[in-house]
Amino acid sequence: MIRLPRPVYIAWRVLESLGQVATRFVNAAMFGGSTHQSTSARAHIEQWPKGRARIDRFFRLFGQADHCAVSWAFEVDDARKTLALNDARENR
């Protein structure tokens, strides 16, 4: 893993967060989905063949294979971490 200088890392994380907000907005505003789910994760879960293929093809340009499945797995993992954190706070 490449270690970035802190200002570059912060800028990268902010851009990544903005991308996540944008895809959640698209899912909610254009497709009537939840703001808690990205368009990619929804395409994976609901098996949108054309949408999923287009999204995956776009992200292959950046070296990520099967982006929709990865996105869904990331969101599930993130939800589990949030639940574990909440459980830990309740058990203090």
C-alpha atoms as a PDB file:
ATOM      1  CA  MET A   1       0.000   0.000   0.000  1.00  0.00           C
ATOM      2  CA  ILE A   2       1.266   3.451  -0.887  1.00  0.00           C
ATOM      3  CA  ARG A   3       1.596   5.883   2.001  1.00  0.00           C
ATOM      4  CA  LEU A   4       0.457   9.345   0.926  1.00  0.00           C
ATOM      5  CA  PRO A   5       1.446  12.627   2.557  1.00  0.00           C
ATOM      6  CA  ARG A   6      -1.278  13.652   5.008  1.00  0.00           C
ATOM      7  CA  PRO A   7      -2.666  16.618   2.963  1.00  0.00           C
ATOM      8  CA  VAL A   8      -2.923  14.415  -0.139  1.00  0.00           C
ATOM      9  CA  TYR A   9      -4.588  11.650   1.892  1.00  0.00           C
ATOM     10  CA  ILE A  10      -7.123  14.102   3.322  1.00  0.00           C
ATOM     11  CA  ALA A  11      -7.906  15.491  -0.151  1.00  0.00           C
ATOM     12  CA  TRP A  12      -8.316  11.932  -1.471  1.00  0.00           C
ATOM     13  CA  ARG A  13     -10.708  10.986   1.350  1.00  0.00           C
ATOM     14  CA  VAL A  14     -12.779  14.153   0.808  1.00  0.00           C
ATOM     15  CA  LEU A  15     -13.082  13.412  -2.926  1.00  0.00           C
ATOM     16  CA  GLU A  16     -13.980   9.810  -2.153  1.00  0.00           C
ATOM     17  CA  SER A  17     -16.683  10.972   0.280  1.00  0.00           C
ATOM     18  CA  LEU A  18     -18.092  13.405  -2.277  1.00  0.00           C
ATOM     19  CA  GLY A  19     -18.293  10.574  -4.795  1.00  0.00           C
ATOM     20  CA  GLN A  20     -20.201   8.454  -2.281  1.00  0.00           C
ATOM     21  CA  VAL A  21     -22.624  11.312  -1.606  1.00  0.00           C
ATOM     22  CA  ALA A  22     -23.140  11.801  -5.338  1.00  0.00           C
ATOM     23  CA  THR A  23     -23.947   8.140  -6.011  1.00  0.00           C
ATOM     24  CA  ARG A  24     -26.325   7.989  -3.041  1.00  0.00           C
ATOM     25  CA  PHE A  25     -28.041  11.132  -4.335  1.00  0.00           C
ATOM     26  CA  VAL A  26     -28.441   9.546  -7.780  1.00  0.00           C
ATOM     27  CA  ASN A  27     -29.854   6.377  -6.224  1.00  0.00           C
ATOM     28  CA  ALA A  28     -32.404   8.344  -4.188  1.00  0.00           C
ATOM     29  CA  ALA A  29     -33.327  11.142  -6.599  1.00  0.00           C
ATOM     30  CA  MET A  30     -33.275   9.341  -9.927  1.00  0.00           C
ATOM     31  CA  PHE A  31     -34.106   5.742  -8.993  1.00  0.00           C
ATOM     32  CA  GLY A  32     -36.276   6.239  -5.896  1.00  0.00           C
ATOM     33  CA  GLY A  33     -33.876   4.298  -3.683  1.00  0.00           C
ATOM     34  CA  SER A  34     -32.428   4.916  -0.256  1.00  0.00           C
ATOM     35  CA  THR A  35     -29.881   7.578   0.587  1.00  0.00           C
ATOM     36  CA  HIS A  36     -28.119   4.854   2.605  1.00  0.00           C
ATOM     37  CA  GLN A  37     -27.225   2.860  -0.506  1.00  0.00           C
ATOM     38  CA  SER A  38     -25.049   3.644  -3.497  1.00  0.00           C
ATOM     39  CA  THR A  39     -26.277   3.166  -7.038  1.00  0.00           C
ATOM     40  CA  SER A  40     -23.596   0.515  -7.580  1.00  0.00           C
ATOM     41  CA  ALA A  41     -24.631  -1.530  -4.543  1.00  0.00           C
ATOM     42  CA  ARG A  42     -28.273  -1.313  -5.589  1.00  0.00           C
ATOM     43  CA  ALA A  43     -27.409  -2.444  -9.115  1.00  0.00           C
ATOM     44  CA  HIS A  44     -25.660  -5.463  -7.579  1.00  0.00           C
ATOM     45  CA  ILE A  45     -28.503  -6.395  -5.220  1.00  0.00           C
ATOM     46  CA  GLU A  46     -31.339  -5.859  -7.676  1.00  0.00           C
ATOM     47  CA  GLN A  47     -29.449  -7.477 -10.553  1.00  0.00           C
ATOM     48  CA  TRP A  48     -29.776  -4.605 -13.023  1.00  0.00           C
ATOM     49  CA  PRO A  49     -27.902  -6.302 -15.879  1.00  0.00           C
ATOM     50  CA  LYS A  50     -27.447  -3.268 -18.153  1.00  0.00           C
ATOM     51  CA  GLY A  51     -26.774  -0.790 -15.361  1.00  0.00           C
ATOM     52  CA  ARG A  52     -24.407  -3.125 -13.571  1.00  0.00           C
ATOM     53  CA  ALA A  53     -22.494  -3.878 -16.770  1.00  0.00           C
ATOM     54  CA  ARG A  54     -22.102  -0.167 -17.546  1.00  0.00           C
ATOM     55  CA  ILE A  55     -20.968   0.701 -14.019  1.00  0.00           C
ATOM     56  CA  ASP A  56     -18.516  -2.212 -13.900  1.00  0.00           C
ATOM     57  CA  ARG A  57     -17.147  -1.317 -17.350  1.00  0.00           C
ATOM     58  CA  PHE A  58     -16.551   2.298 -16.246  1.00  0.00           C
ATOM     59  CA  PHE A  59     -14.698   1.290 -13.074  1.00  0.00           C
ATOM     60  CA  ARG A  60     -12.573  -1.250 -14.976  1.00  0.00           C
ATOM     61  CA  LEU A  61     -10.907   1.829 -16.493  1.00  0.00           C
ATOM     62  CA  PHE A  62      -9.584   2.535 -12.982  1.00  0.00           C
ATOM     63  CA  GLY A  63      -8.497  -1.049 -12.357  1.00  0.00           C
ATOM     64  CA  GLN A  64     -11.442  -2.212 -10.275  1.00  0.00           C
ATOM     65  CA  ALA A  65     -13.036  -5.456 -11.390  1.00  0.00           C
ATOM     66  CA  ASP A  66     -16.663  -6.161 -10.432  1.00  0.00           C
ATOM     67  CA  HIS A  67     -17.194  -2.728  -8.860  1.00  0.00           C
ATOM     68  CA  CYS A  68     -20.862  -3.291  -8.013  1.00  0.00           C
ATOM     69  CA  ALA A  69     -20.148  -6.397  -5.920  1.00  0.00           C
ATOM     70  CA  VAL A  70     -17.225  -4.656  -4.215  1.00  0.00           C
ATOM     71  CA  SER A  71     -19.418  -1.632  -3.483  1.00  0.00           C
ATOM     72  CA  TRP A  72     -22.128  -3.807  -1.954  1.00  0.00           C
ATOM     73  CA  ALA A  73     -19.598  -5.703   0.189  1.00  0.00           C
ATOM     74  CA  PHE A  74     -18.085  -2.393   1.363  1.00  0.00           C
ATOM     75  CA  GLU A  75     -21.497  -1.092   2.415  1.00  0.00           C
ATOM     76  CA  VAL A  76     -22.310  -4.308   4.301  1.00  0.00           C
ATOM     77  CA  ASP A  77     -18.931  -4.195   6.065  1.00  0.00           C
ATOM     78  CA  ASP A  78     -19.423  -0.515   6.920  1.00  0.00           C
ATOM     79  CA  ALA A  79     -22.879  -1.254   8.383  1.00  0.00           C
ATOM     80  CA  ARG A  80     -21.437  -4.081  10.504  1.00  0.00           C
ATOM     81  CA  LYS A  81     -18.725  -1.776  11.853  1.00  0.00           C
ATOM     82  CA  THR A  82     -21.341   0.833  12.740  1.00  0.00           C
ATOM     83  CA  LEU A  83     -23.460  -1.754  14.561  1.00  0.00           C
ATOM     84  CA  ALA A  84     -20.411  -3.079  16.455  1.00  0.00           C
ATOM     85  CA  LEU A  85     -19.456   0.447  17.480  1.00  0.00           C
ATOM     86  CA  ASN A  86     -22.973   1.114  18.736  1.00  0.00           C
ATOM     87  CA  ASP A  87     -22.998  -2.170  20.676  1.00  0.00           C
ATOM     88  CA  ALA A  88     -19.658  -1.304  22.276  1.00  0.00           C
ATOM     89  CA  ARG A  89     -20.984   2.098  23.373  1.00  0.00           C
ATOM     90  CA  GLU A  90     -24.127   0.558  24.873  1.00  0.00           C
ATOM     91  CA  ASN A  91     -22.110  -1.976  26.873  1.00  0.00           C
ATOM     92  CA  ARG A  92     -19.921   0.603  28.613  1.00  0.00           C
END
